[in-house]
Amino acid sequence: MKCGLYVRVSTSKQETENQLAQLRDFAASVGWQVVVEYVDQLTGKNSDRAEFQRMFEDASRRRFDVLLFWSLDRLSREGALETLQHLNRLTGYGVQWRSLTEQYLDSTGMFREAVISILAVVAKQERVRLSERTRAGLERARKQGKVLGRPRAAVDGNEIRALRSQGLSWGAIGRQTGFARATCQKACTA
């Protein structure tokens, strides 16, 4: 099996060789041929890392069959949902993946479907929690008297009715007043 290695350290002062040596040794022990290594030396909080993006580009072209990384936080620190989406993206490309230090994060073994199913449930739960946190934040803002949403448009219904009585179409009225056609129609019936 052709193997890609991904390693990341947060700063240029940190060393990647420890991760690479362990990953190379593991790949050799299971008979995987390391064909490419991706090394990023910056934070994992964002996915705009050059080698990270190159790794996905190569994965989409099936340059390797399996991606091996030292631990999940070396792959990404963007949060549970985003990280799981990255793993799902690899799976979608037909590329398996494995964490060296977290043996349960392995899409190459006999429990592949179980691992992917569990991660999908975790991702779904993270989306639910994110939605709950957003709703709670909006509710708190409302209780503090903050006005949410777009500002209300000051629509003069009399002006719109006058334009309509002159025979202008809804589209023409919208262009002349700067309001959407539906807003003009609603103001006219109010």
N, C-alpha and C. Protein backbone atom coordinates (compact mmCIF):
# COMPACT_ATOMS: atom_id res chain seq x y z
N MET A 1 0.85 -1.17 0.00
CA MET A 1 0.00 0.00 0.00
C MET A 1 0.90 1.24 0.00
N LYS A 2 0.55 2.23 -0.84
CA LYS A 2 1.30 3.48 -0.89
C LYS A 2 0.82 4.37 0.26
N CYS A 3 1.78 4.93 0.97
CA CYS A 3 1.47 5.68 2.19
C CYS A 3 1.97 7.11 2.09
N GLY A 4 1.14 8.04 2.54
CA GLY A 4 1.54 9.43 2.71
C GLY A 4 1.67 9.70 4.19
N LEU A 5 2.66 10.49 4.58
CA LEU A 5 2.84 10.87 5.98
C LEU A 5 2.53 12.35 6.13
N TYR A 6 1.80 12.69 7.18
CA TYR A 6 1.55 14.10 7.46
C TYR A 6 2.04 14.40 8.87
N VAL A 7 2.92 15.40 8.99
CA VAL A 7 3.38 15.85 10.30
C VAL A 7 3.23 17.36 10.37
N ARG A 8 3.06 17.83 11.61
CA ARG A 8 2.91 19.27 11.82
C ARG A 8 3.47 19.63 13.18
N VAL A 9 4.16 20.75 13.22
CA VAL A 9 4.56 21.37 14.48
C VAL A 9 4.07 22.81 14.42
N SER A 10 3.89 23.42 15.58
CA SER A 10 3.31 24.75 15.63
C SER A 10 4.28 25.87 15.28
N THR A 11 5.55 25.67 15.53
CA THR A 11 6.52 26.73 15.26
C THR A 11 7.75 26.15 14.57
N SER A 12 8.52 27.02 13.96
CA SER A 12 9.74 26.58 13.28
C SER A 12 10.82 26.15 14.28
N LYS A 13 10.63 26.48 15.55
CA LYS A 13 11.59 26.07 16.59
C LYS A 13 11.41 24.61 16.98
N GLN A 14 10.26 24.04 16.66
CA GLN A 14 9.99 22.65 17.00
C GLN A 14 10.49 21.74 15.90
N GLU A 15 10.76 20.52 16.26
CA GLU A 15 11.36 19.53 15.36
C GLU A 15 10.31 18.53 14.88
N THR A 16 10.32 18.24 13.59
CA THR A 16 9.38 17.27 13.02
C THR A 16 10.00 15.88 12.90
N GLU A 17 11.29 15.77 13.05
CA GLU A 17 11.98 14.51 12.80
C GLU A 17 11.52 13.39 13.72
N ASN A 18 11.16 13.71 14.97
CA ASN A 18 10.67 12.67 15.89
C ASN A 18 9.39 12.03 15.35
N GLN A 19 8.46 12.85 14.91
CA GLN A 19 7.22 12.33 14.35
C GLN A 19 7.51 11.51 13.09
N LEU A 20 8.31 12.08 12.20
CA LEU A 20 8.61 11.39 10.93
C LEU A 20 9.27 10.04 11.15
N ALA A 21 10.23 9.98 12.08
CA ALA A 21 10.94 8.71 12.33
C ALA A 21 9.96 7.63 12.80
N GLN A 22 9.07 7.98 13.73
CA GLN A 22 8.11 7.00 14.24
C GLN A 22 7.13 6.58 13.15
N LEU A 23 6.68 7.52 12.33
CA LEU A 23 5.74 7.20 11.26
C LEU A 23 6.39 6.30 10.21
N ARG A 24 7.63 6.62 9.84
CA ARG A 24 8.35 5.80 8.86
C ARG A 24 8.53 4.37 9.38
N ASP A 25 8.92 4.26 10.66
CA ASP A 25 9.11 2.93 11.26
C ASP A 25 7.82 2.13 11.25
N PHE A 26 6.72 2.76 11.64
CA PHE A 26 5.44 2.06 11.66
C PHE A 26 5.04 1.62 10.25
N ALA A 27 5.17 2.53 9.28
CA ALA A 27 4.80 2.18 7.90
C ALA A 27 5.61 0.98 7.42
N ALA A 28 6.89 0.97 7.72
CA ALA A 28 7.75 -0.16 7.31
C ALA A 28 7.31 -1.45 7.99
N SER A 29 6.90 -1.34 9.27
CA SER A 29 6.52 -2.54 10.02
C SER A 29 5.25 -3.20 9.49
N VAL A 30 4.36 -2.41 8.87
CA VAL A 30 3.13 -2.99 8.33
C VAL A 30 3.21 -3.18 6.81
N GLY A 31 4.37 -2.89 6.23
CA GLY A 31 4.57 -3.13 4.81
C GLY A 31 4.05 -2.03 3.90
N TRP A 32 3.87 -0.82 4.43
CA TRP A 32 3.42 0.30 3.61
C TRP A 32 4.64 1.00 3.02
N GLN A 33 4.55 1.39 1.77
CA GLN A 33 5.62 2.11 1.09
C GLN A 33 5.35 3.60 1.20
N VAL A 34 6.23 4.34 1.90
CA VAL A 34 6.07 5.79 2.03
C VAL A 34 6.47 6.43 0.70
N VAL A 35 5.49 7.09 0.07
CA VAL A 35 5.74 7.70 -1.24
C VAL A 35 5.81 9.22 -1.17
N VAL A 36 5.27 9.80 -0.10
CA VAL A 36 5.29 11.26 0.03
C VAL A 36 5.16 11.64 1.51
N GLU A 37 5.83 12.73 1.87
CA GLU A 37 5.76 13.26 3.24
C GLU A 37 5.35 14.73 3.17
N TYR A 38 4.41 15.10 4.03
CA TYR A 38 3.92 16.47 4.10
C TYR A 38 4.30 17.02 5.46
N VAL A 39 4.98 18.17 5.48
CA VAL A 39 5.47 18.74 6.73
C VAL A 39 5.04 20.20 6.79
N ASP A 40 4.23 20.54 7.79
CA ASP A 40 3.83 21.93 8.03
C ASP A 40 4.44 22.39 9.35
N GLN A 41 4.87 23.64 9.37
CA GLN A 41 5.43 24.21 10.59
C GLN A 41 4.64 25.45 10.95
N LEU A 42 3.36 25.27 11.25
CA LEU A 42 2.52 26.35 11.74
C LEU A 42 1.30 25.78 12.42
N THR A 43 0.53 26.65 13.01
CA THR A 43 -0.61 26.23 13.83
C THR A 43 -1.59 25.37 13.03
N GLY A 44 -2.24 24.48 13.74
CA GLY A 44 -3.24 23.63 13.12
C GLY A 44 -4.64 24.20 13.25
N LYS A 45 -4.76 25.47 13.67
CA LYS A 45 -6.07 26.08 13.87
C LYS A 45 -6.78 26.40 12.56
N ASN A 46 -6.01 26.45 11.46
CA ASN A 46 -6.59 26.76 10.16
C ASN A 46 -6.20 25.68 9.16
N SER A 47 -6.99 25.56 8.12
CA SER A 47 -6.68 24.54 7.12
C SER A 47 -5.96 25.12 5.92
N ASP A 48 -5.57 26.38 5.97
CA ASP A 48 -4.89 26.98 4.82
C ASP A 48 -3.38 26.76 4.85
N ARG A 49 -2.96 25.68 5.48
CA ARG A 49 -1.54 25.30 5.51
C ARG A 49 -1.15 24.72 4.15
N ALA A 50 0.00 25.13 3.63
CA ALA A 50 0.41 24.74 2.28
C ALA A 50 0.51 23.23 2.11
N GLU A 51 1.21 22.56 3.00
CA GLU A 51 1.39 21.11 2.86
C GLU A 51 0.08 20.36 3.12
N PHE A 52 -0.73 20.88 4.01
CA PHE A 52 -2.04 20.29 4.29
C PHE A 52 -2.89 20.31 3.01
N GLN A 53 -2.89 21.45 2.34
CA GLN A 53 -3.66 21.57 1.10
C GLN A 53 -3.07 20.70 -0.01
N ARG A 54 -1.74 20.63 -0.08
CA ARG A 54 -1.09 19.78 -1.08
C ARG A 54 -1.43 18.31 -0.83
N MET A 55 -1.51 17.94 0.47
CA MET A 55 -1.86 16.57 0.82
C MET A 55 -3.26 16.22 0.30
N PHE A 56 -4.22 17.14 0.47
CA PHE A 56 -5.57 16.87 -0.04
C PHE A 56 -5.60 16.83 -1.57
N GLU A 57 -4.82 17.69 -2.20
CA GLU A 57 -4.74 17.67 -3.66
C GLU A 57 -4.21 16.31 -4.14
N ASP A 58 -3.14 15.84 -3.50
CA ASP A 58 -2.58 14.54 -3.86
C ASP A 58 -3.54 13.40 -3.53
N ALA A 59 -4.27 13.53 -2.43
CA ALA A 59 -5.25 12.50 -2.05
C ALA A 59 -6.34 12.41 -3.12
N SER A 60 -6.77 13.55 -3.61
CA SER A 60 -7.82 13.54 -4.63
C SER A 60 -7.35 12.87 -5.92
N ARG A 61 -6.04 12.86 -6.12
CA ARG A 61 -5.46 12.22 -7.31
C ARG A 61 -4.99 10.79 -7.01
N ARG A 62 -5.27 10.33 -5.79
CA ARG A 62 -4.90 8.98 -5.34
C ARG A 62 -3.40 8.71 -5.46
N ARG A 63 -2.59 9.72 -5.10
CA ARG A 63 -1.14 9.54 -5.12
C ARG A 63 -0.72 8.53 -4.05
N PHE A 64 -1.54 8.40 -3.01
CA PHE A 64 -1.28 7.43 -1.95
C PHE A 64 -2.60 6.78 -1.55
N ASP A 65 -2.50 5.62 -0.89
CA ASP A 65 -3.69 4.86 -0.51
C ASP A 65 -4.10 5.09 0.94
N VAL A 66 -3.11 5.47 1.76
CA VAL A 66 -3.37 5.65 3.19
C VAL A 66 -2.55 6.85 3.68
N LEU A 67 -3.17 7.64 4.54
CA LEU A 67 -2.47 8.76 5.18
C LEU A 67 -2.21 8.38 6.63
N LEU A 68 -0.98 8.49 7.03
CA LEU A 68 -0.58 8.18 8.40
C LEU A 68 -0.14 9.48 9.07
N PHE A 69 -0.72 9.77 10.23
CA PHE A 69 -0.32 10.96 10.99
C PHE A 69 -0.06 10.55 12.42
N TRP A 70 0.72 11.35 13.13
CA TRP A 70 1.17 10.98 14.47
C TRP A 70 0.01 10.98 15.46
N SER A 71 -0.81 12.04 15.44
CA SER A 71 -2.01 12.11 16.28
C SER A 71 -2.99 13.06 15.62
N LEU A 72 -4.24 12.98 16.02
CA LEU A 72 -5.28 13.79 15.40
C LEU A 72 -5.00 15.28 15.53
N ASP A 73 -4.44 15.70 16.68
CA ASP A 73 -4.16 17.12 16.84
C ASP A 73 -2.99 17.59 15.98
N ARG A 74 -2.21 16.66 15.46
CA ARG A 74 -1.16 17.03 14.51
C ARG A 74 -1.78 17.25 13.13
N LEU A 75 -2.88 16.56 12.84
CA LEU A 75 -3.58 16.74 11.57
C LEU A 75 -4.32 18.07 11.57
N SER A 76 -5.06 18.33 12.66
CA SER A 76 -5.86 19.55 12.72
C SER A 76 -6.24 19.89 14.15
N ARG A 77 -6.30 21.19 14.43
CA ARG A 77 -6.81 21.69 15.70
C ARG A 77 -7.96 22.66 15.47
N GLU A 78 -8.67 22.44 14.38
CA GLU A 78 -9.75 23.35 14.02
C GLU A 78 -11.04 23.10 14.80
N GLY A 79 -11.11 22.03 15.50
CA GLY A 79 -12.33 21.66 16.20
C GLY A 79 -12.82 20.31 15.70
N ALA A 80 -13.69 19.71 16.48
CA ALA A 80 -14.13 18.35 16.18
C ALA A 80 -14.80 18.24 14.81
N LEU A 81 -15.72 19.12 14.54
CA LEU A 81 -16.48 19.01 13.29
C LEU A 81 -15.58 19.17 12.07
N GLU A 82 -14.74 20.20 12.06
CA GLU A 82 -13.86 20.43 10.92
C GLU A 82 -12.87 19.28 10.74
N THR A 83 -12.31 18.81 11.84
CA THR A 83 -11.36 17.70 11.75
C THR A 83 -12.02 16.46 11.18
N LEU A 84 -13.22 16.16 11.65
CA LEU A 84 -13.93 14.99 11.14
C LEU A 84 -14.30 15.17 9.66
N GLN A 85 -14.56 16.40 9.27
CA GLN A 85 -14.83 16.65 7.85
C GLN A 85 -13.58 16.39 7.01
N HIS A 86 -12.41 16.71 7.55
CA HIS A 86 -11.17 16.41 6.83
C HIS A 86 -11.01 14.90 6.66
N LEU A 87 -11.28 14.14 7.72
CA LEU A 87 -11.18 12.68 7.62
C LEU A 87 -12.19 12.13 6.63
N ASN A 88 -13.38 12.69 6.66
CA ASN A 88 -14.43 12.26 5.72
C ASN A 88 -14.03 12.59 4.29
N ARG A 89 -13.38 13.72 4.11
CA ARG A 89 -12.91 14.10 2.77
C ARG A 89 -11.90 13.08 2.24
N LEU A 90 -10.98 12.67 3.11
CA LEU A 90 -10.01 11.64 2.71
C LEU A 90 -10.74 10.36 2.32
N THR A 91 -11.67 9.94 3.16
CA THR A 91 -12.45 8.74 2.89
C THR A 91 -13.18 8.86 1.55
N GLY A 92 -13.72 10.04 1.29
CA GLY A 92 -14.42 10.29 0.03
C GLY A 92 -13.51 10.15 -1.18
N TYR A 93 -12.24 10.46 -1.00
CA TYR A 93 -11.27 10.29 -2.09
C TYR A 93 -10.82 8.84 -2.22
N GLY A 94 -11.29 7.99 -1.34
CA GLY A 94 -10.87 6.59 -1.37
C GLY A 94 -9.54 6.36 -0.66
N VAL A 95 -9.14 7.33 0.17
CA VAL A 95 -7.88 7.23 0.91
C VAL A 95 -8.20 6.87 2.35
N GLN A 96 -7.52 5.84 2.83
CA GLN A 96 -7.69 5.45 4.23
C GLN A 96 -6.77 6.32 5.09
N TRP A 97 -6.96 6.29 6.40
CA TRP A 97 -6.15 7.10 7.29
C TRP A 97 -5.96 6.39 8.61
N ARG A 98 -4.89 6.79 9.29
CA ARG A 98 -4.60 6.17 10.58
C ARG A 98 -3.78 7.12 11.44
N SER A 99 -4.13 7.17 12.72
CA SER A 99 -3.34 7.89 13.71
C SER A 99 -2.40 6.90 14.37
N LEU A 100 -1.13 7.23 14.44
CA LEU A 100 -0.15 6.33 15.03
C LEU A 100 -0.39 6.16 16.53
N THR A 101 -0.62 7.24 17.23
CA THR A 101 -0.72 7.19 18.70
C THR A 101 -2.13 6.95 19.21
N GLU A 102 -3.12 7.08 18.35
CA GLU A 102 -4.52 6.85 18.74
C GLU A 102 -5.03 5.70 17.89
N GLN A 103 -4.78 4.49 18.35
CA GLN A 103 -5.02 3.30 17.55
C GLN A 103 -6.49 3.12 17.16
N TYR A 104 -7.39 3.73 17.90
CA TYR A 104 -8.81 3.63 17.59
C TYR A 104 -9.17 4.51 16.39
N LEU A 105 -8.31 5.47 16.00
CA LEU A 105 -8.55 6.30 14.83
C LEU A 105 -7.87 5.65 13.63
N ASP A 106 -8.56 4.68 13.06
CA ASP A 106 -7.96 3.86 12.03
C ASP A 106 -9.04 3.43 11.04
N SER A 107 -8.94 3.91 9.82
CA SER A 107 -9.91 3.47 8.81
C SER A 107 -9.35 2.34 7.96
N THR A 108 -8.21 1.76 8.39
CA THR A 108 -7.58 0.70 7.59
C THR A 108 -7.88 -0.70 8.12
N GLY A 109 -8.35 -0.79 9.33
CA GLY A 109 -8.54 -2.09 9.96
C GLY A 109 -9.91 -2.69 9.76
N MET A 110 -10.14 -3.79 10.48
CA MET A 110 -11.39 -4.51 10.32
C MET A 110 -12.58 -3.75 10.92
N PHE A 111 -12.33 -2.77 11.77
CA PHE A 111 -13.42 -1.99 12.36
C PHE A 111 -13.62 -0.66 11.64
N ARG A 112 -13.16 -0.62 10.41
CA ARG A 112 -13.21 0.61 9.62
C ARG A 112 -14.59 1.25 9.63
N GLU A 113 -15.62 0.49 9.27
CA GLU A 113 -16.98 1.04 9.20
C GLU A 113 -17.46 1.52 10.57
N ALA A 114 -17.10 0.81 11.61
CA ALA A 114 -17.50 1.21 12.96
C ALA A 114 -16.84 2.53 13.33
N VAL A 115 -15.56 2.67 13.03
CA VAL A 115 -14.84 3.91 13.36
C VAL A 115 -15.45 5.08 12.60
N ILE A 116 -15.68 4.90 11.31
CA ILE A 116 -16.25 5.98 10.51
C ILE A 116 -17.66 6.33 10.99
N SER A 117 -18.44 5.32 11.36
CA SER A 117 -19.79 5.58 11.87
C SER A 117 -19.76 6.36 13.17
N ILE A 118 -18.87 5.97 14.06
CA ILE A 118 -18.75 6.66 15.35
C ILE A 118 -18.33 8.11 15.12
N LEU A 119 -17.35 8.32 14.24
CA LEU A 119 -16.91 9.68 13.96
C LEU A 119 -18.02 10.51 13.32
N ALA A 120 -18.85 9.90 12.50
CA ALA A 120 -19.97 10.61 11.90
C ALA A 120 -20.97 11.04 12.96
N VAL A 121 -21.22 10.17 13.94
CA VAL A 121 -22.14 10.51 15.03
C VAL A 121 -21.55 11.65 15.86
N VAL A 122 -20.26 11.60 16.13
CA VAL A 122 -19.60 12.66 16.89
C VAL A 122 -19.71 13.98 16.13
N ALA A 123 -19.50 13.95 14.81
CA ALA A 123 -19.60 15.16 14.00
C ALA A 123 -21.01 15.73 14.04
N LYS A 124 -22.00 14.84 13.95
CA LYS A 124 -23.39 15.30 14.01
C LYS A 124 -23.68 15.93 15.36
N GLN A 125 -23.21 15.31 16.44
CA GLN A 125 -23.41 15.86 17.77
C GLN A 125 -22.74 17.22 17.92
N GLU A 126 -21.56 17.38 17.33
CA GLU A 126 -20.86 18.66 17.38
C GLU A 126 -21.66 19.74 16.65
N ARG A 127 -22.28 19.39 15.51
CA ARG A 127 -23.13 20.35 14.81
C ARG A 127 -24.31 20.76 15.67
N VAL A 128 -24.91 19.79 16.38
CA VAL A 128 -26.05 20.08 17.25
C VAL A 128 -25.61 21.02 18.37
N ARG A 129 -24.46 20.73 18.99
CA ARG A 129 -23.97 21.59 20.07
C ARG A 129 -23.66 22.99 19.57
N LEU A 130 -23.09 23.10 18.39
CA LEU A 130 -22.79 24.41 17.82
C LEU A 130 -24.08 25.20 17.62
N SER A 131 -25.10 24.53 17.10
CA SER A 131 -26.39 25.17 16.89
C SER A 131 -26.99 25.61 18.23
N GLU A 132 -26.90 24.77 19.25
CA GLU A 132 -27.42 25.11 20.57
C GLU A 132 -26.69 26.31 21.16
N ARG A 133 -25.36 26.35 21.00
CA ARG A 133 -24.59 27.49 21.51
C ARG A 133 -24.96 28.77 20.78
N THR A 134 -25.19 28.68 19.48
CA THR A 134 -25.59 29.85 18.71
C THR A 134 -26.94 30.36 19.18
N ARG A 135 -27.90 29.45 19.33
CA ARG A 135 -29.23 29.86 19.81
C ARG A 135 -29.16 30.48 21.19
N ALA A 136 -28.35 29.89 22.07
CA ALA A 136 -28.21 30.44 23.43
C ALA A 136 -27.61 31.84 23.39
N GLY A 137 -26.63 32.04 22.52
CA GLY A 137 -26.02 33.37 22.39
C GLY A 137 -26.99 34.40 21.86
N LEU A 138 -27.80 34.00 20.88
CA LEU A 138 -28.81 34.92 20.34
C LEU A 138 -29.87 35.25 21.39
N GLU A 139 -30.28 34.25 22.16
CA GLU A 139 -31.28 34.48 23.21
C GLU A 139 -30.73 35.44 24.27
N ARG A 140 -29.48 35.24 24.67
CA ARG A 140 -28.85 36.13 25.65
C ARG A 140 -28.80 37.56 25.11
N ALA A 141 -28.45 37.72 23.84
CA ALA A 141 -28.38 39.05 23.23
C ALA A 141 -29.76 39.70 23.21
N ARG A 142 -30.80 38.92 22.90
CA ARG A 142 -32.17 39.46 22.91
C ARG A 142 -32.56 39.94 24.31
N LYS A 143 -32.24 39.13 25.32
CA LYS A 143 -32.57 39.50 26.70
C LYS A 143 -31.83 40.75 27.15
N GLN A 144 -30.67 41.00 26.54
CA GLN A 144 -29.91 42.21 26.86
C GLN A 144 -30.40 43.41 26.06
N GLY A 145 -31.45 43.19 25.26
CA GLY A 145 -32.05 44.29 24.51
C GLY A 145 -31.43 44.56 23.16
N LYS A 146 -30.56 43.71 22.70
CA LYS A 146 -29.95 43.92 21.40
C LYS A 146 -30.93 43.55 20.31
N VAL A 147 -30.97 44.37 19.27
CA VAL A 147 -31.83 44.10 18.13
C VAL A 147 -31.02 43.27 17.14
N LEU A 148 -31.55 42.12 16.80
CA LEU A 148 -30.86 41.19 15.91
C LEU A 148 -31.45 41.24 14.51
N GLY A 149 -30.67 40.80 13.56
CA GLY A 149 -31.14 40.73 12.19
C GLY A 149 -30.87 42.00 11.42
N ARG A 150 -31.35 42.01 10.21
CA ARG A 150 -31.17 43.18 9.36
C ARG A 150 -32.02 44.33 9.86
N PRO A 151 -31.54 45.56 9.69
CA PRO A 151 -32.37 46.70 10.09
C PRO A 151 -33.63 46.75 9.23
N ARG A 152 -34.71 47.17 9.83
CA ARG A 152 -35.97 47.29 9.10
C ARG A 152 -35.88 48.41 8.08
N ALA A 153 -36.40 48.14 6.91
CA ALA A 153 -36.41 49.15 5.86
C ALA A 153 -37.59 50.10 6.11
N ALA A 154 -37.32 51.39 5.94
CA ALA A 154 -38.39 52.40 6.12
C ALA A 154 -39.10 52.54 4.78
N VAL A 155 -40.16 51.79 4.62
CA VAL A 155 -40.89 51.75 3.36
C VAL A 155 -42.13 52.63 3.48
N ASP A 156 -42.29 53.51 2.51
CA ASP A 156 -43.46 54.39 2.49
C ASP A 156 -44.52 53.74 1.60
N GLY A 157 -45.51 53.13 2.26
CA GLY A 157 -46.58 52.44 1.52
C GLY A 157 -47.37 53.37 0.64
N ASN A 158 -47.55 54.60 1.07
CA ASN A 158 -48.31 55.56 0.26
C ASN A 158 -47.59 55.86 -1.04
N GLU A 159 -46.25 56.02 -0.97
CA GLU A 159 -45.46 56.29 -2.17
C GLU A 159 -45.57 55.11 -3.14
N ILE A 160 -45.49 53.92 -2.61
CA ILE A 160 -45.54 52.73 -3.48
C ILE A 160 -46.92 52.59 -4.11
N ARG A 161 -47.97 52.84 -3.33
CA ARG A 161 -49.33 52.79 -3.89
C ARG A 161 -49.51 53.85 -4.98
N ALA A 162 -48.91 55.03 -4.77
CA ALA A 162 -49.01 56.10 -5.77
C ALA A 162 -48.29 55.69 -7.06
N LEU A 163 -47.12 55.10 -6.93
CA LEU A 163 -46.39 54.64 -8.12
C LEU A 163 -47.17 53.54 -8.83
N ARG A 164 -47.78 52.69 -8.05
CA ARG A 164 -48.56 51.57 -8.64
C ARG A 164 -49.78 52.13 -9.38
N SER A 165 -50.41 53.17 -8.81
CA SER A 165 -51.59 53.75 -9.46
C SER A 165 -51.22 54.48 -10.75
N GLN A 166 -49.93 54.84 -10.89
CA GLN A 166 -49.45 55.45 -12.13
C GLN A 166 -49.20 54.40 -13.21
N GLY A 167 -49.38 53.10 -12.84
CA GLY A 167 -49.25 52.03 -13.81
C GLY A 167 -47.87 51.39 -13.87
N LEU A 168 -47.00 51.75 -12.93
CA LEU A 168 -45.66 51.16 -12.91
C LEU A 168 -45.73 49.70 -12.48
N SER A 169 -44.87 48.89 -13.06
CA SER A 169 -44.81 47.48 -12.68
C SER A 169 -44.09 47.35 -11.33
N TRP A 170 -44.23 46.18 -10.72
CA TRP A 170 -43.55 45.96 -9.43
C TRP A 170 -42.04 46.07 -9.58
N GLY A 171 -41.52 45.56 -10.68
CA GLY A 171 -40.08 45.65 -10.93
C GLY A 171 -39.63 47.10 -11.07
N ALA A 172 -40.41 47.91 -11.80
CA ALA A 172 -40.07 49.33 -11.97
C ALA A 172 -40.14 50.07 -10.64
N ILE A 173 -41.14 49.75 -9.84
CA ILE A 173 -41.26 50.38 -8.52
C ILE A 173 -40.07 50.00 -7.66
N GLY A 174 -39.69 48.75 -7.71
CA GLY A 174 -38.53 48.29 -6.95
C GLY A 174 -37.26 49.01 -7.35
N ARG A 175 -37.05 49.16 -8.65
CA ARG A 175 -35.85 49.86 -9.13
C ARG A 175 -35.87 51.33 -8.71
N GLN A 176 -37.03 51.96 -8.77
CA GLN A 176 -37.14 53.38 -8.44
C GLN A 176 -36.97 53.63 -6.95
N THR A 177 -37.50 52.74 -6.11
CA THR A 177 -37.44 52.96 -4.66
C THR A 177 -36.21 52.33 -4.02
N GLY A 178 -35.61 51.36 -4.71
CA GLY A 178 -34.46 50.67 -4.14
C GLY A 178 -34.84 49.50 -3.25
N PHE A 179 -36.12 49.17 -3.23
CA PHE A 179 -36.58 48.04 -2.42
C PHE A 179 -36.85 46.85 -3.32
N ALA A 180 -36.83 45.67 -2.73
CA ALA A 180 -37.14 44.46 -3.48
C ALA A 180 -38.61 44.47 -3.90
N ARG A 181 -38.90 43.77 -4.97
CA ARG A 181 -40.27 43.69 -5.50
C ARG A 181 -41.23 43.20 -4.41
N ALA A 182 -40.82 42.13 -3.68
CA ALA A 182 -41.70 41.58 -2.64
C ALA A 182 -41.94 42.59 -1.52
N THR A 183 -40.93 43.38 -1.19
CA THR A 183 -41.09 44.41 -0.14
C THR A 183 -42.11 45.44 -0.60
N CYS A 184 -42.04 45.84 -1.86
CA CYS A 184 -43.00 46.82 -2.40
C CYS A 184 -44.41 46.25 -2.38
N GLN A 185 -44.55 44.99 -2.79
CA GLN A 185 -45.87 44.37 -2.81
C GLN A 185 -46.44 44.29 -1.41
N LYS A 186 -45.60 43.91 -0.44
CA LYS A 186 -46.06 43.79 0.93
C LYS A 186 -46.46 45.15 1.50
N ALA A 187 -45.69 46.19 1.20
CA ALA A 187 -46.00 47.53 1.70
C ALA A 187 -47.29 48.05 1.10
N CYS A 188 -47.57 47.66 -0.11
CA CYS A 188 -48.77 48.13 -0.80
C CYS A 188 -50.02 47.50 -0.20
N THR A 189 -49.92 46.29 0.31
CA THR A 189 -51.10 45.62 0.89
C THR A 189 -51.25 45.92 2.37
N ALA A 190 -50.25 46.51 2.97
CA ALA A 190 -50.31 46.80 4.43
C ALA A 190 -51.17 47.98 4.74
